[in-house]
């Protein structure tokens, strides 16, 4: 899985805020992905993705301090069948 980033720069007065959104390509080749990347695949924003994990709508595992979404579970969630 390759995850890059696209930057959206927003101006608010004299301050500039940079928000990084994951750009996900070839996510099916990895065993796990970040919650944000999984949300991007599902068309969700960062907060909605973490809220879906909290509710149990997106299955995730915790390794140390990281929450990761198993790709197999994400594929099942969107109705893809393993080939």
Protein backbone atom coordinates (compact mmCIF):
# COMPACT_ATOMS: atom_id res chain seq x y z
CA UNK A 1 0.00 0.00 0.00
CA UNK A 2 1.29 3.40 -0.85
CA UNK A 3 -0.01 6.31 1.12
CA UNK A 4 1.00 9.80 0.11
CA UNK A 5 -0.52 13.06 1.10
CA UNK A 6 -2.27 15.95 -0.50
CA UNK A 7 -2.15 19.29 1.23
CA UNK A 8 -5.02 21.70 1.48
CA UNK A 9 -3.94 25.11 2.66
CA UNK A 10 -6.61 27.22 4.27
CA UNK A 11 -6.22 30.85 5.19
CA UNK A 12 -7.81 32.26 8.32
CA UNK A 13 -6.78 35.87 8.74
CA UNK A 14 -3.02 36.05 9.13
CA UNK A 15 -2.64 32.36 9.92
CA UNK A 16 -2.16 29.51 7.48
CA UNK A 17 -3.32 26.04 8.44
CA UNK A 18 -2.16 22.97 6.57
CA UNK A 19 -4.29 19.83 6.66
CA UNK A 20 -2.83 16.58 5.33
CA UNK A 21 -5.25 14.09 3.78
CA UNK A 22 -4.01 10.59 2.96
CA UNK A 23 -3.91 9.64 -0.71
CA UNK A 24 -4.38 5.89 -0.93
CA UNK A 25 -3.20 3.86 -3.90
CA UNK A 26 -3.06 0.08 -4.19
CA UNK A 27 -4.43 -0.44 -0.66
CA UNK A 28 -5.40 -4.05 -1.37
CA UNK A 29 -1.76 -5.23 -1.35
CA UNK A 30 -1.17 -4.40 2.33
CA UNK A 31 -2.28 -6.39 5.37
CA UNK A 32 -3.30 -3.31 7.40
CA UNK A 33 -3.85 0.40 6.89
CA UNK A 34 -4.35 3.46 9.06
CA UNK A 35 -7.81 4.51 10.18
CA UNK A 36 -7.50 7.70 8.11
CA UNK A 37 -6.53 5.76 4.97
CA UNK A 38 -9.42 3.33 5.48
CA UNK A 39 -11.74 6.30 5.89
CA UNK A 40 -10.46 7.74 2.63
CA UNK A 41 -11.27 4.45 0.85
CA UNK A 42 -14.77 4.63 2.34
CA UNK A 43 -15.21 8.32 1.56
CA UNK A 44 -15.08 9.44 5.19
CA UNK A 45 -13.18 12.24 6.85
CA UNK A 46 -10.72 11.77 9.70
CA UNK A 47 -13.16 12.40 12.56
CA UNK A 48 -15.90 10.26 11.00
CA UNK A 49 -13.39 7.43 10.47
CA UNK A 50 -12.30 7.37 14.11
CA UNK A 51 -15.92 7.65 15.25
CA UNK A 52 -16.82 4.65 13.05
CA UNK A 53 -13.98 2.67 14.67
CA UNK A 54 -15.19 3.70 18.13
CA UNK A 55 -18.72 2.51 17.29
CA UNK A 56 -17.40 -0.75 15.82
CA UNK A 57 -18.55 0.03 12.26
CA UNK A 58 -14.96 -0.20 11.01
CA UNK A 59 -13.07 -3.11 12.61
CA UNK A 60 -9.65 -2.09 13.92
CA UNK A 61 -6.82 -3.58 15.94
CA UNK A 62 -4.62 -1.70 18.36
CA UNK A 63 -0.87 -2.25 18.23
CA UNK A 64 0.87 -0.13 20.81
CA UNK A 65 -0.70 3.31 20.43
CA UNK A 66 -1.68 2.80 16.79
CA UNK A 67 -5.12 1.82 15.53
CA UNK A 68 -4.92 -0.18 12.31
CA UNK A 69 -7.62 -1.52 10.03
CA UNK A 70 -7.02 -5.01 8.58
CA UNK A 71 -7.39 -4.79 4.81
CA UNK A 72 -9.29 -8.11 4.70
CA UNK A 73 -11.94 -6.66 7.05
CA UNK A 74 -12.18 -3.49 4.95
CA UNK A 75 -12.64 -5.56 1.78
CA UNK A 76 -15.41 -7.54 3.48
CA UNK A 77 -17.01 -4.32 4.67
CA UNK A 78 -17.29 -2.99 1.13
CA UNK A 79 -18.40 -6.35 -0.28
CA UNK A 80 -15.26 -7.38 -2.16
CA UNK A 81 -14.55 -11.08 -2.41
CA UNK A 82 -10.99 -12.40 -2.09
CA UNK A 83 -9.68 -13.69 -5.37
